[in-house]
Amino acid sequence: MLKLVVFDCDGVMFSSREANRQYYNDLLATFSCPPMNEDELNYVHIHNTHNSVAHIFRNHGHIAPELIEAHRLKLPYAPYLRFMTIEPDLLQFLALIKPSHQTAISTNRTDTMDIILDTFRLRPWFDMVVTALTAPRPKPAPDGLVMILDRLQVQPHEAIYIGDSVIDQEHCAGTGVDLIAFRNRALDARYHVEDFMSIAELPPFQVNG
């Protein structure tokens, strides 16, 4: 029986590609660096902040990493929230499953997750949130999912993860948790969906119903 549903944040709960573009391009512009190309945008969209910053500044070795990080920590994230769009049926889906399932988030976001949860009033919907700051290792390592399974006392076969990238695919593979691929048919996943309410029609949720 399915007991736990775990969500990725970017590309699943939110369309946040444009927010990531604006945020990292502003960081680059501070040091007079050109904006990201599409490959770099694809990278930062699925990786944690530390690796993303290292990646986009990899060709700018004259800039000290500690200076970049110091500025990043002072860069408020609130102005970028206007570029994030919550999935229109996310709250409907959460309201449907929450009475009978535990819910959690495992994301590669770091210090921006709290403001997102509070701004969009999502915190009450989740029993646990793990980020790249609170997990020993960020995704694709399985650590975040392992922490959630252990804390909520759920076995891998009793959980399912909703993700949209190969990072999420590897994250699940390390724990034996089934993956629901969200708008990415290229992923090796148990199920593929285009929206949240379609998930409610999948076999694991029908068994619980």
N, C-alpha and C. Protein backbone atom coordinates (compact mmCIF):
# COMPACT_ATOMS: atom_id res chain seq x y z
N MET A 1 0.84 -1.21 0.00
CA MET A 1 0.00 0.00 0.00
C MET A 1 0.87 1.25 0.00
N LEU A 2 0.49 2.22 -0.79
CA LEU A 2 1.22 3.47 -0.87
C LEU A 2 0.93 4.34 0.35
N LYS A 3 2.00 4.74 1.05
CA LYS A 3 1.85 5.56 2.25
C LYS A 3 2.43 6.96 2.12
N LEU A 4 3.38 7.12 1.22
CA LEU A 4 4.15 8.36 1.16
C LEU A 4 4.33 8.82 -0.28
N VAL A 5 4.09 10.12 -0.51
CA VAL A 5 4.33 10.74 -1.82
C VAL A 5 5.36 11.85 -1.61
N VAL A 6 6.48 11.75 -2.35
CA VAL A 6 7.56 12.72 -2.23
C VAL A 6 7.65 13.52 -3.53
N PHE A 7 7.84 14.81 -3.39
CA PHE A 7 7.83 15.73 -4.53
C PHE A 7 9.20 16.36 -4.74
N ASP A 8 9.59 16.53 -5.99
CA ASP A 8 10.64 17.47 -6.35
C ASP A 8 10.00 18.85 -6.40
N CYS A 9 10.80 19.90 -6.37
CA CYS A 9 10.25 21.25 -6.40
C CYS A 9 10.27 21.82 -7.82
N ASP A 10 11.45 22.14 -8.33
CA ASP A 10 11.56 22.81 -9.62
C ASP A 10 11.20 21.88 -10.77
N GLY A 11 10.32 22.36 -11.63
CA GLY A 11 9.90 21.57 -12.77
C GLY A 11 8.77 20.62 -12.45
N VAL A 12 8.39 20.53 -11.17
CA VAL A 12 7.30 19.65 -10.75
C VAL A 12 6.24 20.49 -10.02
N MET A 13 6.53 20.92 -8.82
CA MET A 13 5.59 21.77 -8.09
C MET A 13 5.48 23.15 -8.73
N PHE A 14 6.59 23.60 -9.29
CA PHE A 14 6.65 24.94 -9.88
C PHE A 14 7.31 24.90 -11.25
N SER A 15 6.84 25.77 -12.12
CA SER A 15 7.59 26.11 -13.32
C SER A 15 8.53 27.24 -12.92
N SER A 16 9.80 26.92 -12.76
CA SER A 16 10.73 27.89 -12.17
C SER A 16 11.95 28.15 -13.05
N ARG A 17 11.87 27.71 -14.28
CA ARG A 17 13.01 27.88 -15.19
C ARG A 17 13.37 29.36 -15.36
N GLU A 18 12.37 30.20 -15.52
CA GLU A 18 12.64 31.62 -15.73
C GLU A 18 13.20 32.27 -14.47
N ALA A 19 12.74 31.82 -13.31
CA ALA A 19 13.30 32.33 -12.06
C ALA A 19 14.77 31.98 -11.94
N ASN A 20 15.12 30.75 -12.30
CA ASN A 20 16.52 30.35 -12.26
C ASN A 20 17.35 31.15 -13.26
N ARG A 21 16.77 31.39 -14.43
CA ARG A 21 17.49 32.18 -15.44
C ARG A 21 17.81 33.58 -14.90
N GLN A 22 16.82 34.24 -14.35
CA GLN A 22 17.00 35.59 -13.84
C GLN A 22 17.99 35.64 -12.67
N TYR A 23 17.83 34.69 -11.75
CA TYR A 23 18.66 34.67 -10.54
C TYR A 23 20.15 34.48 -10.88
N TYR A 24 20.46 33.45 -11.65
CA TYR A 24 21.86 33.17 -11.95
C TYR A 24 22.45 34.18 -12.93
N ASN A 25 21.64 34.70 -13.85
CA ASN A 25 22.16 35.74 -14.74
C ASN A 25 22.47 37.03 -13.98
N ASP A 26 21.66 37.35 -12.98
CA ASP A 26 21.96 38.52 -12.15
C ASP A 26 23.25 38.32 -11.38
N LEU A 27 23.46 37.11 -10.90
CA LEU A 27 24.70 36.81 -10.19
C LEU A 27 25.90 36.96 -11.12
N LEU A 28 25.78 36.46 -12.34
CA LEU A 28 26.86 36.61 -13.32
C LEU A 28 27.10 38.08 -13.66
N ALA A 29 26.02 38.82 -13.83
CA ALA A 29 26.15 40.23 -14.23
C ALA A 29 26.87 41.06 -13.18
N THR A 30 26.73 40.68 -11.93
CA THR A 30 27.43 41.39 -10.84
C THR A 30 28.93 41.40 -11.07
N PHE A 31 29.44 40.34 -11.68
CA PHE A 31 30.88 40.22 -11.92
C PHE A 31 31.22 40.44 -13.39
N SER A 32 30.29 41.12 -14.11
CA SER A 32 30.49 41.48 -15.52
C SER A 32 30.72 40.26 -16.42
N CYS A 33 30.04 39.16 -16.07
CA CYS A 33 30.12 37.94 -16.88
C CYS A 33 28.89 37.86 -17.78
N PRO A 34 29.02 37.25 -18.95
CA PRO A 34 27.86 37.12 -19.84
C PRO A 34 26.81 36.18 -19.26
N PRO A 35 25.56 36.31 -19.72
CA PRO A 35 24.50 35.44 -19.22
C PRO A 35 24.70 33.98 -19.61
N MET A 36 23.98 33.11 -18.96
CA MET A 36 24.06 31.68 -19.24
C MET A 36 23.56 31.37 -20.65
N ASN A 37 24.14 30.33 -21.25
CA ASN A 37 23.55 29.77 -22.46
C ASN A 37 22.51 28.73 -22.05
N GLU A 38 21.84 28.13 -23.02
CA GLU A 38 20.76 27.20 -22.70
C GLU A 38 21.26 25.95 -21.99
N ASP A 39 22.45 25.48 -22.35
CA ASP A 39 23.00 24.30 -21.67
C ASP A 39 23.26 24.60 -20.20
N GLU A 40 23.76 25.78 -19.92
CA GLU A 40 24.01 26.15 -18.53
C GLU A 40 22.69 26.32 -17.77
N LEU A 41 21.69 26.87 -18.42
CA LEU A 41 20.38 26.99 -17.78
C LEU A 41 19.81 25.62 -17.46
N ASN A 42 19.95 24.68 -18.39
CA ASN A 42 19.49 23.31 -18.14
C ASN A 42 20.20 22.72 -16.93
N TYR A 43 21.48 23.03 -16.79
CA TYR A 43 22.27 22.49 -15.67
C TYR A 43 21.77 23.06 -14.35
N VAL A 44 21.65 24.38 -14.25
CA VAL A 44 21.28 24.97 -12.96
C VAL A 44 19.85 24.63 -12.57
N HIS A 45 19.04 24.27 -13.55
CA HIS A 45 17.63 23.97 -13.27
C HIS A 45 17.47 22.69 -12.46
N ILE A 46 18.46 21.80 -12.52
CA ILE A 46 18.31 20.52 -11.84
C ILE A 46 19.37 20.25 -10.78
N HIS A 47 20.41 21.08 -10.73
CA HIS A 47 21.48 20.84 -9.76
C HIS A 47 21.38 21.78 -8.56
N ASN A 48 22.09 21.43 -7.49
CA ASN A 48 22.07 22.27 -6.29
C ASN A 48 22.85 23.56 -6.53
N THR A 49 22.64 24.52 -5.65
CA THR A 49 23.20 25.86 -5.83
C THR A 49 24.72 25.85 -5.90
N HIS A 50 25.36 25.11 -5.02
CA HIS A 50 26.83 25.08 -4.98
C HIS A 50 27.39 24.62 -6.32
N ASN A 51 26.88 23.50 -6.83
CA ASN A 51 27.37 22.99 -8.10
C ASN A 51 27.00 23.90 -9.26
N SER A 52 25.82 24.51 -9.17
CA SER A 52 25.37 25.40 -10.24
C SER A 52 26.26 26.63 -10.35
N VAL A 53 26.58 27.24 -9.21
CA VAL A 53 27.45 28.42 -9.23
C VAL A 53 28.83 28.05 -9.76
N ALA A 54 29.36 26.94 -9.31
CA ALA A 54 30.67 26.49 -9.80
C ALA A 54 30.64 26.27 -11.31
N HIS A 55 29.54 25.74 -11.80
CA HIS A 55 29.43 25.44 -13.23
C HIS A 55 29.37 26.71 -14.08
N ILE A 56 28.56 27.66 -13.69
CA ILE A 56 28.41 28.84 -14.54
C ILE A 56 29.61 29.78 -14.45
N PHE A 57 30.41 29.65 -13.39
CA PHE A 57 31.62 30.47 -13.26
C PHE A 57 32.89 29.69 -13.60
N ARG A 58 32.72 28.50 -14.18
CA ARG A 58 33.88 27.63 -14.44
C ARG A 58 34.90 28.25 -15.40
N ASN A 59 34.45 29.15 -16.27
CA ASN A 59 35.36 29.78 -17.22
C ASN A 59 35.80 31.18 -16.77
N HIS A 60 35.53 31.49 -15.52
CA HIS A 60 35.88 32.81 -14.99
C HIS A 60 36.75 32.64 -13.74
N GLY A 61 37.85 31.94 -13.93
CA GLY A 61 38.72 31.59 -12.81
C GLY A 61 39.37 32.76 -12.11
N HIS A 62 39.30 33.94 -12.72
CA HIS A 62 39.90 35.12 -12.10
C HIS A 62 39.04 35.66 -10.96
N ILE A 63 37.81 35.14 -10.84
CA ILE A 63 36.91 35.60 -9.78
C ILE A 63 36.96 34.62 -8.62
N ALA A 64 37.30 35.10 -7.45
CA ALA A 64 37.46 34.22 -6.29
C ALA A 64 36.11 33.63 -5.89
N PRO A 65 36.04 32.32 -5.70
CA PRO A 65 34.77 31.68 -5.32
C PRO A 65 34.16 32.26 -4.05
N GLU A 66 35.01 32.67 -3.09
CA GLU A 66 34.47 33.22 -1.85
C GLU A 66 33.78 34.57 -2.08
N LEU A 67 34.24 35.32 -3.09
CA LEU A 67 33.57 36.58 -3.41
C LEU A 67 32.21 36.33 -4.04
N ILE A 68 32.15 35.32 -4.90
CA ILE A 68 30.87 34.94 -5.53
C ILE A 68 29.87 34.50 -4.47
N GLU A 69 30.33 33.64 -3.57
CA GLU A 69 29.43 33.12 -2.54
C GLU A 69 28.99 34.22 -1.59
N ALA A 70 29.88 35.13 -1.26
CA ALA A 70 29.51 36.23 -0.37
C ALA A 70 28.41 37.08 -1.00
N HIS A 71 28.53 37.33 -2.30
CA HIS A 71 27.49 38.12 -2.95
C HIS A 71 26.19 37.32 -3.07
N ARG A 72 26.30 36.04 -3.38
CA ARG A 72 25.10 35.21 -3.52
C ARG A 72 24.29 35.21 -2.23
N LEU A 73 24.99 35.13 -1.10
CA LEU A 73 24.30 35.09 0.18
C LEU A 73 23.58 36.40 0.48
N LYS A 74 24.02 37.48 -0.14
CA LYS A 74 23.37 38.78 0.07
C LYS A 74 22.29 39.06 -0.97
N LEU A 75 22.18 38.18 -1.97
CA LEU A 75 21.22 38.40 -3.05
C LEU A 75 19.85 37.88 -2.61
N PRO A 76 18.89 38.75 -2.33
CA PRO A 76 17.58 38.29 -1.84
C PRO A 76 16.84 37.52 -2.93
N TYR A 77 16.14 36.46 -2.52
CA TYR A 77 15.45 35.64 -3.52
C TYR A 77 14.02 36.12 -3.76
N ALA A 78 13.47 36.89 -2.85
CA ALA A 78 12.07 37.31 -2.96
C ALA A 78 11.72 37.93 -4.32
N PRO A 79 12.57 38.80 -4.90
CA PRO A 79 12.21 39.40 -6.19
C PRO A 79 12.04 38.38 -7.32
N TYR A 80 12.62 37.20 -7.15
CA TYR A 80 12.57 36.20 -8.23
C TYR A 80 11.32 35.31 -8.13
N LEU A 81 10.61 35.42 -7.03
CA LEU A 81 9.41 34.60 -6.87
C LEU A 81 8.35 34.93 -7.91
N ARG A 82 8.36 36.16 -8.42
CA ARG A 82 7.36 36.53 -9.42
C ARG A 82 7.56 35.78 -10.73
N PHE A 83 8.73 35.19 -10.91
CA PHE A 83 9.00 34.42 -12.12
C PHE A 83 8.63 32.94 -11.95
N MET A 84 8.18 32.57 -10.75
CA MET A 84 7.80 31.18 -10.49
C MET A 84 6.28 31.01 -10.62
N THR A 85 5.87 29.94 -11.26
CA THR A 85 4.45 29.67 -11.44
C THR A 85 4.12 28.32 -10.82
N ILE A 86 3.23 28.32 -9.84
CA ILE A 86 2.83 27.07 -9.20
C ILE A 86 1.96 26.28 -10.16
N GLU A 87 2.12 24.96 -10.17
CA GLU A 87 1.29 24.12 -11.02
C GLU A 87 -0.18 24.29 -10.63
N PRO A 88 -1.06 24.51 -11.60
CA PRO A 88 -2.44 24.88 -11.28
C PRO A 88 -3.23 23.83 -10.51
N ASP A 89 -2.86 22.56 -10.64
CA ASP A 89 -3.61 21.52 -9.92
C ASP A 89 -2.84 20.92 -8.76
N LEU A 90 -1.73 21.56 -8.35
CA LEU A 90 -0.95 21.03 -7.23
C LEU A 90 -1.75 21.01 -5.94
N LEU A 91 -2.37 22.12 -5.60
CA LEU A 91 -3.12 22.19 -4.34
C LEU A 91 -4.32 21.25 -4.36
N GLN A 92 -4.95 21.12 -5.49
CA GLN A 92 -6.08 20.19 -5.61
C GLN A 92 -5.61 18.75 -5.37
N PHE A 93 -4.47 18.43 -5.93
CA PHE A 93 -3.90 17.09 -5.74
C PHE A 93 -3.51 16.84 -4.29
N LEU A 94 -2.88 17.83 -3.66
CA LEU A 94 -2.49 17.70 -2.27
C LEU A 94 -3.71 17.51 -1.37
N ALA A 95 -4.75 18.27 -1.63
CA ALA A 95 -5.97 18.15 -0.84
C ALA A 95 -6.60 16.76 -0.99
N LEU A 96 -6.44 16.18 -2.17
CA LEU A 96 -7.00 14.86 -2.44
C LEU A 96 -6.24 13.75 -1.72
N ILE A 97 -4.91 13.83 -1.73
CA ILE A 97 -4.11 12.71 -1.20
C ILE A 97 -3.75 12.86 0.27
N LYS A 98 -3.75 14.09 0.80
CA LYS A 98 -3.22 14.31 2.15
C LYS A 98 -3.95 13.53 3.24
N PRO A 99 -5.25 13.34 3.16
CA PRO A 99 -5.89 12.60 4.26
C PRO A 99 -5.39 11.16 4.41
N SER A 100 -4.92 10.56 3.32
CA SER A 100 -4.55 9.15 3.37
C SER A 100 -3.07 8.88 3.10
N HIS A 101 -2.29 9.92 2.83
CA HIS A 101 -0.87 9.75 2.54
C HIS A 101 -0.04 10.77 3.30
N GLN A 102 1.16 10.37 3.68
CA GLN A 102 2.14 11.34 4.13
C GLN A 102 2.76 11.99 2.89
N THR A 103 3.25 13.20 3.05
CA THR A 103 3.85 13.93 1.93
C THR A 103 5.16 14.56 2.35
N ALA A 104 6.08 14.67 1.40
CA ALA A 104 7.39 15.25 1.69
C ALA A 104 7.96 15.87 0.42
N ILE A 105 9.01 16.65 0.59
CA ILE A 105 9.74 17.25 -0.54
C ILE A 105 11.20 16.87 -0.41
N SER A 106 11.80 16.43 -1.51
CA SER A 106 13.25 16.24 -1.58
C SER A 106 13.74 17.04 -2.77
N THR A 107 14.45 18.12 -2.50
CA THR A 107 14.83 19.08 -3.54
C THR A 107 16.31 19.44 -3.44
N ASN A 108 16.86 19.88 -4.56
CA ASN A 108 18.23 20.38 -4.56
C ASN A 108 18.30 21.88 -4.29
N ARG A 109 17.16 22.50 -4.00
CA ARG A 109 17.22 23.88 -3.55
C ARG A 109 17.93 23.94 -2.19
N THR A 110 18.43 25.11 -1.85
CA THR A 110 19.15 25.25 -0.58
C THR A 110 18.42 26.25 0.30
N ASP A 111 18.96 27.48 0.40
CA ASP A 111 18.40 28.45 1.33
C ASP A 111 17.22 29.23 0.76
N THR A 112 16.73 28.84 -0.42
CA THR A 112 15.56 29.52 -0.99
C THR A 112 14.26 28.76 -0.73
N MET A 113 14.34 27.56 -0.19
CA MET A 113 13.14 26.74 -0.06
C MET A 113 12.17 27.30 0.98
N ASP A 114 12.69 27.83 2.06
CA ASP A 114 11.80 28.33 3.12
C ASP A 114 10.91 29.47 2.62
N ILE A 115 11.48 30.41 1.88
CA ILE A 115 10.68 31.53 1.41
C ILE A 115 9.64 31.07 0.40
N ILE A 116 9.94 30.04 -0.37
CA ILE A 116 8.98 29.50 -1.32
C ILE A 116 7.82 28.84 -0.58
N LEU A 117 8.13 28.03 0.41
CA LEU A 117 7.08 27.36 1.18
C LEU A 117 6.16 28.37 1.87
N ASP A 118 6.75 29.43 2.40
CA ASP A 118 5.95 30.41 3.14
C ASP A 118 5.18 31.34 2.20
N THR A 119 5.80 31.77 1.11
CA THR A 119 5.14 32.68 0.18
C THR A 119 3.92 32.02 -0.46
N PHE A 120 4.07 30.76 -0.82
CA PHE A 120 2.97 30.05 -1.49
C PHE A 120 2.12 29.24 -0.50
N ARG A 121 2.39 29.42 0.79
CA ARG A 121 1.60 28.79 1.86
C ARG A 121 1.51 27.27 1.70
N LEU A 122 2.64 26.68 1.44
CA LEU A 122 2.68 25.23 1.20
C LEU A 122 3.15 24.43 2.42
N ARG A 123 3.74 25.09 3.38
CA ARG A 123 4.36 24.36 4.49
C ARG A 123 3.40 23.39 5.20
N PRO A 124 2.13 23.78 5.46
CA PRO A 124 1.22 22.86 6.17
C PRO A 124 0.91 21.57 5.40
N TRP A 125 1.18 21.57 4.10
CA TRP A 125 0.83 20.40 3.31
C TRP A 125 1.87 19.28 3.39
N PHE A 126 3.03 19.55 3.97
CA PHE A 126 4.12 18.58 3.92
C PHE A 126 4.60 18.18 5.32
N ASP A 127 4.79 16.89 5.48
CA ASP A 127 5.26 16.35 6.75
C ASP A 127 6.76 16.53 6.94
N MET A 128 7.49 16.68 5.82
CA MET A 128 8.94 16.80 5.92
C MET A 128 9.48 17.43 4.63
N VAL A 129 10.49 18.27 4.77
CA VAL A 129 11.14 18.90 3.62
C VAL A 129 12.64 18.73 3.77
N VAL A 130 13.28 18.15 2.76
CA VAL A 130 14.73 17.95 2.76
C VAL A 130 15.31 18.72 1.58
N THR A 131 16.34 19.50 1.84
CA THR A 131 17.00 20.29 0.80
C THR A 131 18.46 19.86 0.67
N ALA A 132 19.16 20.49 -0.26
CA ALA A 132 20.58 20.20 -0.42
C ALA A 132 21.39 20.68 0.78
N LEU A 133 20.79 21.54 1.62
CA LEU A 133 21.47 21.98 2.84
C LEU A 133 21.30 20.99 3.98
N THR A 134 20.15 20.31 4.02
CA THR A 134 19.86 19.44 5.16
C THR A 134 20.20 17.98 4.90
N ALA A 135 20.38 17.60 3.64
CA ALA A 135 20.80 16.24 3.32
C ALA A 135 22.32 16.17 3.35
N PRO A 136 22.89 15.04 3.79
CA PRO A 136 24.35 14.92 3.79
C PRO A 136 24.96 15.15 2.41
N ARG A 137 24.29 14.63 1.38
CA ARG A 137 24.71 14.85 -0.01
C ARG A 137 23.47 15.22 -0.83
N PRO A 138 23.61 16.14 -1.79
CA PRO A 138 22.46 16.52 -2.61
C PRO A 138 22.09 15.43 -3.61
N LYS A 139 20.92 15.55 -4.20
CA LYS A 139 20.58 14.67 -5.31
C LYS A 139 21.64 14.82 -6.41
N PRO A 140 21.99 13.76 -7.11
CA PRO A 140 21.29 12.48 -7.24
C PRO A 140 21.58 11.45 -6.15
N ALA A 141 22.43 11.78 -5.17
CA ALA A 141 22.64 10.85 -4.06
C ALA A 141 21.29 10.55 -3.40
N PRO A 142 21.11 9.36 -2.86
CA PRO A 142 19.82 8.98 -2.28
C PRO A 142 19.54 9.55 -0.91
N ASP A 143 20.48 10.31 -0.34
CA ASP A 143 20.42 10.70 1.07
C ASP A 143 19.11 11.34 1.49
N GLY A 144 18.61 12.28 0.68
CA GLY A 144 17.38 12.98 1.05
C GLY A 144 16.20 12.04 1.17
N LEU A 145 16.05 11.14 0.22
CA LEU A 145 14.97 10.17 0.28
C LEU A 145 15.14 9.22 1.45
N VAL A 146 16.37 8.81 1.71
CA VAL A 146 16.64 7.92 2.84
C VAL A 146 16.24 8.59 4.14
N MET A 147 16.57 9.87 4.29
CA MET A 147 16.19 10.62 5.49
C MET A 147 14.67 10.64 5.66
N ILE A 148 13.97 10.87 4.58
CA ILE A 148 12.51 10.95 4.64
C ILE A 148 11.91 9.59 4.99
N LEU A 149 12.38 8.55 4.35
CA LEU A 149 11.87 7.21 4.63
C LEU A 149 12.10 6.83 6.09
N ASP A 150 13.30 7.14 6.59
CA ASP A 150 13.64 6.80 7.98
C ASP A 150 12.78 7.60 8.97
N ARG A 151 12.67 8.91 8.75
CA ARG A 151 11.94 9.76 9.69
C ARG A 151 10.45 9.42 9.71
N LEU A 152 9.90 9.15 8.55
CA LEU A 152 8.46 8.89 8.47
C LEU A 152 8.12 7.41 8.59
N GLN A 153 9.17 6.59 8.76
CA GLN A 153 9.02 5.16 9.00
C GLN A 153 8.22 4.48 7.88
N VAL A 154 8.72 4.69 6.67
CA VAL A 154 8.08 4.14 5.48
C VAL A 154 9.12 3.31 4.72
N GLN A 155 8.72 2.17 4.19
CA GLN A 155 9.58 1.34 3.37
C GLN A 155 9.59 1.86 1.92
N PRO A 156 10.67 1.61 1.17
CA PRO A 156 10.74 2.11 -0.20
C PRO A 156 9.55 1.70 -1.07
N HIS A 157 9.05 0.49 -0.91
CA HIS A 157 7.93 0.05 -1.74
C HIS A 157 6.61 0.71 -1.34
N GLU A 158 6.62 1.43 -0.22
CA GLU A 158 5.43 2.15 0.24
C GLU A 158 5.46 3.62 -0.14
N ALA A 159 6.47 4.01 -0.91
CA ALA A 159 6.66 5.42 -1.28
C ALA A 159 6.74 5.57 -2.79
N ILE A 160 6.49 6.79 -3.25
CA ILE A 160 6.65 7.11 -4.67
C ILE A 160 7.16 8.53 -4.77
N TYR A 161 7.95 8.81 -5.80
CA TYR A 161 8.59 10.12 -5.95
C TYR A 161 8.16 10.74 -7.27
N ILE A 162 7.82 12.01 -7.26
CA ILE A 162 7.43 12.73 -8.46
C ILE A 162 8.59 13.66 -8.86
N GLY A 163 9.22 13.36 -10.00
CA GLY A 163 10.36 14.15 -10.44
C GLY A 163 10.35 14.36 -11.94
N ASP A 164 11.27 15.21 -12.42
CA ASP A 164 11.24 15.55 -13.84
C ASP A 164 12.59 15.46 -14.54
N SER A 165 13.62 14.98 -13.85
CA SER A 165 14.95 15.00 -14.44
C SER A 165 15.70 13.70 -14.18
N VAL A 166 16.82 13.54 -14.90
CA VAL A 166 17.65 12.36 -14.69
C VAL A 166 18.24 12.35 -13.29
N ILE A 167 18.39 13.54 -12.69
CA ILE A 167 18.84 13.63 -11.31
C ILE A 167 17.82 12.94 -10.40
N ASP A 168 16.55 13.16 -10.65
CA ASP A 168 15.49 12.51 -9.86
C ASP A 168 15.46 11.00 -10.13
N GLN A 169 15.68 10.63 -11.37
CA GLN A 169 15.71 9.20 -11.72
C GLN A 169 16.79 8.48 -10.92
N GLU A 170 17.97 9.07 -10.86
CA GLU A 170 19.07 8.46 -10.10
C GLU A 170 18.80 8.52 -8.59
N HIS A 171 18.17 9.58 -8.15
CA HIS A 171 17.80 9.75 -6.74
C HIS A 171 16.92 8.58 -6.29
N CYS A 172 15.96 8.22 -7.11
CA CYS A 172 15.05 7.12 -6.78
C CYS A 172 15.75 5.76 -6.89
N ALA A 173 16.57 5.62 -7.92
CA ALA A 173 17.24 4.34 -8.15
C ALA A 173 18.10 3.94 -6.96
N GLY A 174 18.64 4.94 -6.25
CA GLY A 174 19.49 4.64 -5.11
C GLY A 174 18.74 4.15 -3.89
N THR A 175 17.41 4.22 -3.92
CA THR A 175 16.62 3.81 -2.76
C THR A 175 15.61 2.71 -3.08
N GLY A 176 15.33 2.49 -4.37
CA GLY A 176 14.29 1.53 -4.73
C GLY A 176 12.90 2.11 -4.70
N VAL A 177 12.80 3.43 -4.62
CA VAL A 177 11.50 4.10 -4.66
C VAL A 177 11.10 4.30 -6.11
N ASP A 178 9.85 3.98 -6.45
CA ASP A 178 9.36 4.17 -7.81
C ASP A 178 9.28 5.66 -8.16
N LEU A 179 9.54 5.95 -9.44
CA LEU A 179 9.51 7.32 -9.93
C LEU A 179 8.28 7.55 -10.81
N ILE A 180 7.60 8.67 -10.57
CA ILE A 180 6.61 9.19 -11.50
C ILE A 180 7.29 10.32 -12.25
N ALA A 181 7.49 10.15 -13.56
CA ALA A 181 8.14 11.17 -14.37
C ALA A 181 7.13 12.24 -14.76
N PHE A 182 7.43 13.47 -14.37
CA PHE A 182 6.53 14.60 -14.61
C PHE A 182 6.97 15.34 -15.87
N ARG A 183 6.19 15.19 -16.94
CA ARG A 183 6.44 15.85 -18.22
C ARG A 183 7.83 15.57 -18.78
N ASN A 184 8.31 14.37 -18.62
CA ASN A 184 9.59 13.98 -19.22
C ASN A 184 9.52 12.51 -19.63
N ARG A 185 9.13 12.28 -20.87
CA ARG A 185 8.95 10.92 -21.37
C ARG A 185 10.27 10.19 -21.55
N ALA A 186 11.39 10.91 -21.49
CA ALA A 186 12.69 10.28 -21.70
C ALA A 186 13.19 9.55 -20.46
N LEU A 187 12.56 9.79 -19.31
CA LEU A 187 13.03 9.17 -18.08
C LEU A 187 12.60 7.72 -17.98
N ASP A 188 13.44 6.92 -17.34
CA ASP A 188 13.11 5.53 -17.03
C ASP A 188 12.31 5.56 -15.73
N ALA A 189 11.00 5.47 -15.85
CA ALA A 189 10.13 5.64 -14.69
C ALA A 189 9.00 4.63 -14.73
N ARG A 190 8.43 4.36 -13.55
CA ARG A 190 7.29 3.46 -13.47
C ARG A 190 6.08 4.06 -14.19
N TYR A 191 5.90 5.38 -14.03
CA TYR A 191 4.76 6.06 -14.64
C TYR A 191 5.22 7.38 -15.25
N HIS A 192 4.48 7.84 -16.25
CA HIS A 192 4.71 9.14 -16.87
C HIS A 192 3.40 9.93 -16.86
N VAL A 193 3.46 11.18 -16.44
CA VAL A 193 2.25 12.01 -16.39
C VAL A 193 2.55 13.41 -16.91
N GLU A 194 1.47 14.13 -17.21
CA GLU A 194 1.58 15.51 -17.69
C GLU A 194 1.02 16.51 -16.70
N ASP A 195 0.31 16.04 -15.68
CA ASP A 195 -0.25 16.94 -14.68
C ASP A 195 -0.50 16.15 -13.39
N PHE A 196 -0.81 16.86 -12.32
CA PHE A 196 -0.96 16.21 -11.02
C PHE A 196 -2.21 15.36 -10.90
N MET A 197 -3.31 15.83 -11.41
CA MET A 197 -4.54 15.07 -11.24
C MET A 197 -4.52 13.75 -11.99
N SER A 198 -3.66 13.65 -13.00
CA SER A 198 -3.48 12.35 -13.67
C SER A 198 -2.83 11.34 -12.73
N ILE A 199 -2.03 11.82 -11.79
CA ILE A 199 -1.38 10.93 -10.84
C ILE A 199 -2.43 10.22 -9.98
N ALA A 200 -3.48 10.94 -9.65
CA ALA A 200 -4.52 10.35 -8.81
C ALA A 200 -5.19 9.16 -9.46
N GLU A 201 -5.05 9.01 -10.78
CA GLU A 201 -5.65 7.90 -11.51
C GLU A 201 -4.72 6.70 -11.63
N LEU A 202 -3.49 6.84 -11.17
CA LEU A 202 -2.52 5.75 -11.29
C LEU A 202 -2.86 4.62 -10.32
N PRO A 203 -2.47 3.39 -10.66
CA PRO A 203 -2.82 2.22 -9.83
C PRO A 203 -2.49 2.34 -8.35
N PRO A 204 -1.31 2.85 -7.96
CA PRO A 204 -1.01 2.90 -6.51
C PRO A 204 -2.04 3.72 -5.72
N PHE A 205 -2.58 4.76 -6.32
CA PHE A 205 -3.54 5.61 -5.64
C PHE A 205 -4.93 5.01 -5.66
N GLN A 206 -5.22 4.22 -6.67
CA GLN A 206 -6.52 3.55 -6.72
C GLN A 206 -6.62 2.45 -5.67
N VAL A 207 -5.50 1.78 -5.39
CA VAL A 207 -5.49 0.75 -4.34
C VAL A 207 -5.87 1.35 -3.00
N ASN A 208 -5.27 2.57 -2.75
CA ASN A 208 -5.58 3.24 -1.47
C ASN A 208 -7.03 3.71 -1.43
N GLY A 209 -7.56 4.01 -2.62
CA GLY A 209 -8.92 4.51 -2.64
C GLY A 209 -9.92 3.42 -2.36
